[in-house]
Amino acid sequence: MNPPTSSPLAAALAALAAGAAALMPPAATAQGTFPSKPIRIVVPFGAGSSPDVIVRLMSEPMAKALGQPVVIENKAGASTIIGAQTVAAAPGDGHTLLYTVNNTTSINPYVYKALPYRADDFVPVIRVLSVPYVVVTSTQSPYKTLADMMAAAKAGPNKLNYASYGIGQGTHVAMVRLLNAAGAQMTHVPYKDSAIADLMAGLITTVMEPTTTAIPNIQAGKLRALAVTGPQRVESLPDVPAVNETFKGFVGDSWHGLLAPKGTPAAVVAQLNDVAGRIVATPEFQKRLKDLGLVPAGGSPADFQQFLKDDAQAWAKVVRDNHIQVD
Protein backbone atom coordinates (compact mmCIF):
# COMPACT_ATOMS: atom_id res chain seq x y z
CA MET A 1 0.00 0.00 0.00
CA ASN A 2 1.20 3.52 -0.73
CA PRO A 3 1.32 5.90 2.23
CA PRO A 4 -0.26 9.31 2.60
CA THR A 5 1.54 12.20 0.99
CA SER A 6 4.36 14.02 2.79
CA SER A 7 6.03 17.33 2.01
CA PRO A 8 9.07 15.82 0.24
CA LEU A 9 6.81 13.47 -1.70
CA ALA A 10 4.44 16.28 -2.62
CA ALA A 11 7.32 18.34 -3.96
CA ALA A 12 8.70 15.45 -5.97
CA LEU A 13 5.34 14.50 -7.40
CA ALA A 14 4.55 18.12 -8.20
CA ALA A 15 7.68 18.17 -10.33
CA LEU A 16 6.52 14.95 -11.97
CA ALA A 17 3.13 16.45 -12.81
CA ALA A 18 4.58 19.72 -14.11
CA GLY A 19 5.44 18.25 -17.51
CA ALA A 20 2.15 16.47 -18.15
CA ALA A 21 1.36 18.41 -21.31
CA ALA A 22 4.57 17.20 -22.92
CA LEU A 23 3.51 13.59 -22.47
CA MET A 24 0.40 13.71 -24.66
CA PRO A 25 0.49 11.03 -27.38
CA PRO A 26 -1.16 11.47 -30.78
CA ALA A 27 -4.94 11.15 -30.66
CA ALA A 28 -6.29 7.62 -30.89
CA THR A 29 -8.98 6.57 -33.35
CA ALA A 30 -12.19 5.75 -31.51
CA GLN A 31 -13.39 2.17 -31.83
CA GLY A 32 -17.14 1.90 -32.22
CA THR A 33 -19.04 4.11 -29.80
CA PHE A 34 -16.47 4.00 -26.99
CA PRO A 35 -16.05 6.26 -25.17
CA SER A 36 -19.48 7.85 -25.32
CA LYS A 37 -19.15 9.83 -22.08
CA PRO A 38 -16.46 10.90 -19.57
CA ILE A 39 -14.15 8.22 -18.17
CA ARG A 40 -14.15 7.91 -14.38
CA ILE A 41 -10.98 6.52 -12.78
CA VAL A 42 -11.40 5.57 -9.13
CA VAL A 43 -8.26 5.81 -6.99
CA PRO A 44 -8.55 4.01 -3.62
CA PHE A 45 -6.20 6.52 -1.96
CA GLY A 46 -6.43 10.15 -0.94
CA ALA A 47 -5.55 13.16 -3.04
CA GLY A 48 -1.81 13.73 -3.18
CA SER A 49 -0.85 10.08 -2.69
CA SER A 50 1.52 8.72 -5.32
CA PRO A 51 -1.18 6.66 -7.13
CA ASP A 52 -3.41 9.74 -7.23
CA VAL A 53 -0.77 12.06 -8.65
CA ILE A 54 0.54 9.57 -11.20
CA VAL A 55 -2.89 8.72 -12.58
CA ARG A 56 -3.64 12.45 -12.78
CA LEU A 57 -0.45 12.84 -14.79
CA MET A 58 -1.84 10.21 -17.17
CA SER A 59 -5.38 11.59 -17.26
CA GLU A 60 -4.77 14.65 -19.46
CA PRO A 61 -3.11 12.78 -22.34
CA MET A 62 -5.69 9.98 -21.94
CA ALA A 63 -8.50 12.49 -22.30
CA LYS A 64 -6.95 13.96 -25.43
CA ALA A 65 -6.44 10.53 -26.99
CA LEU A 66 -9.94 9.26 -26.12
CA GLY A 67 -11.80 12.45 -26.93
CA GLN A 68 -13.61 12.51 -23.58
CA PRO A 69 -12.82 14.03 -20.17
CA VAL A 70 -11.08 11.76 -17.67
CA VAL A 71 -12.30 12.38 -14.12
CA ILE A 72 -10.33 11.14 -11.11
CA GLU A 73 -12.38 10.13 -8.07
CA ASN A 74 -10.66 9.45 -4.75
CA LYS A 75 -12.25 6.77 -2.57
CA ALA A 76 -9.66 6.12 0.10
CA GLY A 77 -9.74 3.68 2.97
CA ALA A 78 -9.94 0.07 4.09
CA SER A 79 -6.87 -1.19 2.24
CA THR A 80 -8.29 -0.16 -1.19
CA ILE A 81 -11.54 -2.05 -0.48
CA ILE A 82 -13.87 0.96 -0.68
CA GLY A 83 -12.63 2.04 -4.08
CA ALA A 84 -12.39 -1.49 -5.42
CA GLN A 85 -15.96 -2.28 -4.39
CA THR A 86 -17.18 0.83 -6.21
CA VAL A 87 -15.60 -0.24 -9.49
CA ALA A 88 -16.55 -3.91 -9.13
CA ALA A 89 -20.21 -2.82 -8.97
CA ALA A 90 -19.93 -0.47 -11.98
CA PRO A 91 -21.12 -1.37 -15.50
CA GLY A 92 -18.53 -3.20 -17.58
CA ASP A 93 -18.46 -0.67 -20.39
CA GLY A 94 -15.01 0.90 -19.90
CA HIS A 95 -16.30 4.19 -18.55
CA THR A 96 -15.39 3.35 -14.93
CA LEU A 97 -11.86 2.14 -14.16
CA LEU A 98 -9.76 1.41 -11.08
CA TYR A 99 -6.19 2.64 -10.67
CA THR A 100 -4.84 0.59 -7.80
CA VAL A 101 -1.98 -1.35 -6.18
CA ASN A 102 -1.24 -4.95 -5.23
CA ASN A 103 -3.40 -5.07 -2.09
CA THR A 104 -6.60 -5.11 -4.17
CA THR A 105 -6.05 -8.36 -6.06
CA SER A 106 -2.94 -10.01 -4.63
CA ILE A 107 -3.28 -9.60 -0.84
CA ASN A 108 -6.79 -8.59 0.28
CA PRO A 109 -8.53 -11.74 -1.05
CA TYR A 110 -6.33 -13.86 1.22
CA VAL A 111 -6.14 -11.59 4.29
CA TYR A 112 -9.82 -10.66 4.72
CA LYS A 113 -12.41 -13.27 5.70
CA ALA A 114 -15.24 -11.25 4.15
CA LEU A 115 -14.47 -9.12 1.12
CA PRO A 116 -17.20 -7.27 -0.82
CA TYR A 117 -15.55 -8.08 -4.16
CA ARG A 118 -13.52 -10.86 -5.76
CA ALA A 119 -10.30 -10.52 -7.72
CA ASP A 120 -12.06 -11.84 -10.82
CA ASP A 121 -14.57 -8.97 -10.63
CA PHE A 122 -11.91 -7.05 -12.61
CA VAL A 123 -10.20 -7.43 -15.96
CA PRO A 124 -6.63 -6.17 -16.35
CA VAL A 125 -5.95 -3.23 -18.65
CA ILE A 126 -2.28 -2.40 -18.06
CA ARG A 127 0.37 -2.55 -15.37
CA VAL A 128 1.75 0.97 -15.28
CA LEU A 129 4.72 0.62 -12.94
CA SER A 130 6.38 -1.26 -10.10
CA VAL A 131 6.93 0.29 -6.67
CA PRO A 132 10.00 -1.06 -4.91
CA TYR A 133 10.07 -0.75 -1.14
CA VAL A 134 13.22 0.47 0.59
CA VAL A 135 14.31 -1.23 3.81
CA VAL A 136 15.24 1.79 5.90
CA THR A 137 16.51 2.41 9.40
CA SER A 138 17.57 5.34 11.54
CA THR A 139 20.83 7.07 10.73
CA GLN A 140 21.80 6.31 14.34
CA SER A 141 21.08 2.60 13.94
CA PRO A 142 23.96 0.17 14.54
CA TYR A 143 22.96 -1.71 11.37
CA LYS A 144 24.87 -0.66 8.27
CA THR A 145 23.71 -3.50 6.01
CA LEU A 146 20.66 -5.70 5.60
CA ALA A 147 22.77 -8.74 6.44
CA ASP A 148 23.84 -7.14 9.74
CA MET A 149 20.25 -6.41 10.75
CA MET A 150 18.94 -9.85 9.80
CA ALA A 151 21.82 -11.54 11.64
CA ALA A 152 20.84 -9.62 14.78
CA ALA A 153 17.19 -10.58 14.28
CA LYS A 154 18.14 -14.24 14.01
CA ALA A 155 20.35 -14.05 17.09
CA GLY A 156 17.58 -12.45 19.17
CA PRO A 157 14.17 -13.49 17.82
CA ASN A 158 11.54 -10.74 18.20
CA LYS A 159 13.93 -8.41 20.05
CA LEU A 160 14.02 -6.07 17.05
CA ASN A 161 10.83 -4.58 15.63
CA TYR A 162 9.43 -3.27 12.37
CA ALA A 163 6.52 -1.00 11.53
CA SER A 164 3.98 -1.16 8.72
CA TYR A 165 0.93 0.73 7.53
CA GLY A 166 -1.28 -1.90 9.14
CA ILE A 167 -1.95 -5.63 9.34
CA GLY A 168 -2.25 -7.11 5.88
CA GLN A 169 -0.90 -4.01 4.13
CA GLY A 170 1.79 -4.42 1.51
CA THR A 171 4.45 -3.03 3.83
CA HIS A 172 3.53 -5.70 6.40
CA VAL A 173 3.32 -8.71 4.11
CA ALA A 174 6.49 -7.75 2.23
CA MET A 175 8.48 -7.54 5.47
CA VAL A 176 7.15 -10.93 6.55
CA ARG A 177 8.30 -12.32 3.21
CA LEU A 178 11.77 -10.90 3.82
CA LEU A 179 11.94 -12.29 7.35
CA ASN A 180 10.94 -15.70 6.00
CA ALA A 181 13.72 -15.52 3.42
CA ALA A 182 16.23 -14.57 6.12
CA GLY A 183 14.98 -17.13 8.65
CA ALA A 184 14.57 -14.31 11.17
CA GLN A 185 11.85 -12.99 13.46
CA MET A 186 10.97 -9.42 14.43
CA THR A 187 8.05 -7.94 16.35
CA HIS A 188 5.45 -6.29 14.12
CA VAL A 189 4.20 -2.83 15.17
CA PRO A 190 1.29 -1.82 12.91
CA TYR A 191 0.59 1.89 12.46
CA LYS A 192 -2.47 3.60 11.04
CA ASP A 193 -0.22 6.14 9.36
CA SER A 194 3.48 6.63 8.74
CA ALA A 195 6.01 5.41 11.30
CA ILE A 196 8.83 7.51 9.84
CA ALA A 197 9.01 9.90 12.81
CA ASP A 198 9.35 7.01 15.28
CA LEU A 199 11.88 5.33 13.01
CA MET A 200 14.02 8.48 12.93
CA ALA A 201 13.77 8.65 16.72
CA GLY A 202 15.03 5.08 17.05
CA LEU A 203 11.78 3.73 18.51
CA ILE A 204 11.39 1.38 15.53
CA THR A 205 14.22 -0.74 14.12
CA THR A 206 13.16 -0.76 10.50
CA VAL A 207 10.38 -0.07 8.01
CA MET A 208 9.75 -1.03 4.40
CA GLU A 209 8.87 2.30 2.83
CA PRO A 210 7.83 2.89 -0.80
CA THR A 211 10.52 4.61 -2.83
CA THR A 212 8.31 7.68 -3.33
CA THR A 213 8.48 8.57 0.37
CA ALA A 214 11.77 6.90 1.26
CA ILE A 215 14.02 8.56 -1.30
CA PRO A 216 13.49 12.21 -0.20
CA ASN A 217 14.28 11.24 3.41
CA ILE A 218 17.31 9.22 2.39
CA GLN A 219 18.66 12.02 0.20
CA ALA A 220 18.08 14.50 3.05
CA GLY A 221 20.18 12.33 5.36
CA LYS A 222 17.24 11.53 7.65
CA LEU A 223 17.17 7.77 7.00
CA ARG A 224 19.67 5.06 6.11
CA ALA A 225 18.76 2.76 3.22
CA LEU A 226 19.77 -0.89 3.59
CA ALA A 227 18.18 -2.47 0.53
CA VAL A 228 15.46 -2.19 -2.12
CA THR A 229 12.94 -4.97 -2.68
CA GLY A 230 12.77 -5.00 -6.47
CA PRO A 231 14.66 -7.59 -8.54
CA GLN A 232 17.51 -5.11 -9.05
CA ARG A 233 18.77 -1.74 -7.86
CA VAL A 234 16.82 1.39 -8.75
CA GLU A 235 18.41 4.17 -10.75
CA SER A 236 17.72 6.85 -8.16
CA LEU A 237 19.49 4.82 -5.41
CA PRO A 238 22.39 3.26 -7.32
CA ASP A 239 24.47 2.55 -4.19
CA VAL A 240 21.67 0.72 -2.36
CA PRO A 241 21.74 -3.04 -3.02
CA ALA A 242 18.68 -5.08 -3.89
CA VAL A 243 17.57 -7.57 -1.23
CA ASN A 244 18.17 -10.14 -3.98
CA GLU A 245 21.92 -9.53 -3.60
CA THR A 246 21.77 -10.81 -0.02
CA PHE A 247 18.86 -13.26 -0.21
CA LYS A 248 18.87 -14.72 -3.70
CA GLY A 249 15.61 -14.74 -5.59
CA PHE A 250 13.81 -12.32 -3.28
CA VAL A 251 11.36 -9.87 -4.88
CA GLY A 252 8.89 -7.95 -2.75
CA ASP A 253 7.75 -4.82 -4.53
CA SER A 254 4.27 -3.45 -5.21
CA TRP A 255 2.76 -2.07 -8.43
CA HIS A 256 0.28 0.38 -9.90
CA GLY A 257 -2.17 -0.79 -12.54
CA LEU A 258 -5.38 0.00 -14.36
CA LEU A 259 -8.30 -2.43 -14.04
CA ALA A 260 -11.80 -2.45 -15.52
CA PRO A 261 -15.00 -4.11 -14.25
CA LYS A 262 -15.66 -7.68 -15.32
CA GLY A 263 -17.55 -7.84 -18.60
CA THR A 264 -15.78 -4.90 -20.22
CA PRO A 265 -15.51 -5.75 -23.95
CA ALA A 266 -12.09 -6.91 -25.12
CA ALA A 267 -12.03 -4.21 -27.82
CA VAL A 268 -12.53 -1.51 -25.19
CA VAL A 269 -9.83 -3.00 -22.95
CA ALA A 270 -7.47 -3.10 -25.95
CA GLN A 271 -8.20 0.54 -26.76
CA LEU A 272 -7.55 1.64 -23.18
CA ASN A 273 -4.38 -0.44 -23.08
CA ASP A 274 -3.14 1.16 -26.29
CA VAL A 275 -3.74 4.70 -25.04
CA ALA A 276 -2.23 4.09 -21.59
CA GLY A 277 0.65 2.07 -23.02
CA ARG A 278 1.74 4.88 -25.31
CA ILE A 279 1.76 7.28 -22.36
CA VAL A 280 3.82 4.88 -20.22
CA ALA A 281 6.28 4.41 -23.09
CA THR A 282 7.14 8.09 -23.51
CA PRO A 283 10.71 8.90 -22.43
CA GLU A 284 9.52 11.89 -20.37
CA PHE A 285 7.06 9.80 -18.35
CA GLN A 286 9.61 7.05 -17.80
CA LYS A 287 12.28 9.49 -16.63
CA ARG A 288 9.97 11.11 -14.12
CA LEU A 289 8.99 7.73 -12.70
CA LYS A 290 12.60 6.62 -12.42
CA ASP A 291 13.51 9.83 -10.58
CA LEU A 292 11.02 8.73 -7.89
CA GLY A 293 12.43 5.21 -7.75
CA LEU A 294 9.44 3.83 -9.65
CA VAL A 295 9.95 1.29 -12.44
CA PRO A 296 7.89 1.75 -15.63
CA ALA A 297 6.07 -1.38 -16.78
CA GLY A 298 3.51 -1.47 -19.62
CA GLY A 299 2.64 -4.49 -21.73
CA SER A 300 -0.59 -6.06 -22.94
CA PRO A 301 -3.70 -7.00 -20.95
CA ALA A 302 -2.60 -10.64 -21.28
CA ASP A 303 0.80 -9.74 -19.82
CA PHE A 304 -0.89 -8.06 -16.86
CA GLN A 305 -3.25 -11.02 -16.41
CA GLN A 306 -0.33 -13.45 -16.14
CA PHE A 307 1.51 -11.07 -13.83
CA LEU A 308 -1.54 -10.81 -11.54
CA LYS A 309 -1.85 -14.58 -11.39
CA ASP A 310 1.80 -15.03 -10.41
CA ASP A 311 1.72 -12.09 -8.01
CA ALA A 312 -1.37 -13.38 -6.20
CA GLN A 313 0.09 -16.88 -5.85
CA ALA A 314 3.30 -15.51 -4.33
CA TRP A 315 1.58 -13.22 -1.79
CA ALA A 316 -1.12 -15.77 -0.94
CA LYS A 317 1.59 -18.19 0.13
CA VAL A 318 3.12 -15.59 2.45
CA VAL A 319 -0.29 -14.81 3.96
CA ARG A 320 -1.19 -18.48 4.50
CA ASP A 321 2.21 -19.57 5.79
CA ASN A 322 2.28 -16.76 8.34
CA HIS A 323 -1.41 -16.79 9.29
CA ILE A 324 -1.98 -13.15 8.42
CA GLN A 325 -5.68 -12.37 8.73
CA VAL A 326 -8.05 -9.48 9.34
CA ASP A 327 -11.58 -10.22 10.50
Foldseek 3Di string as FASTA:
>chain_A
DFAAADPLLLVLLVVLLPCLVVLADPAADDDDCPPVAEAEEEEQADPSTVLNSLVVSLQVSLCRNRVYHYHYHYNYDDQSQRRVLVQLPDDQARRYKYKYKCLVAQFVVQFEPDGNDHNLQWFFQKFFWWWKWWKKAAPPDPDQAPVVVLVVQAVPPAPAEEEDCAFRHLFVLLVLVLCVLSVGHHHYDYDVHDCLVVRNVVVHGITGHTLSPPVVCVVVVSIRTHAIQAPAFAPLCNPHTHVCVVRPPGHRIMTIGMIHGPPRDPVSSQVSLVSSQSSSPDPSSQVSCSNSRIHTDGDGSVVVVVVSVVSNVVSSCSCVVVVGHDD
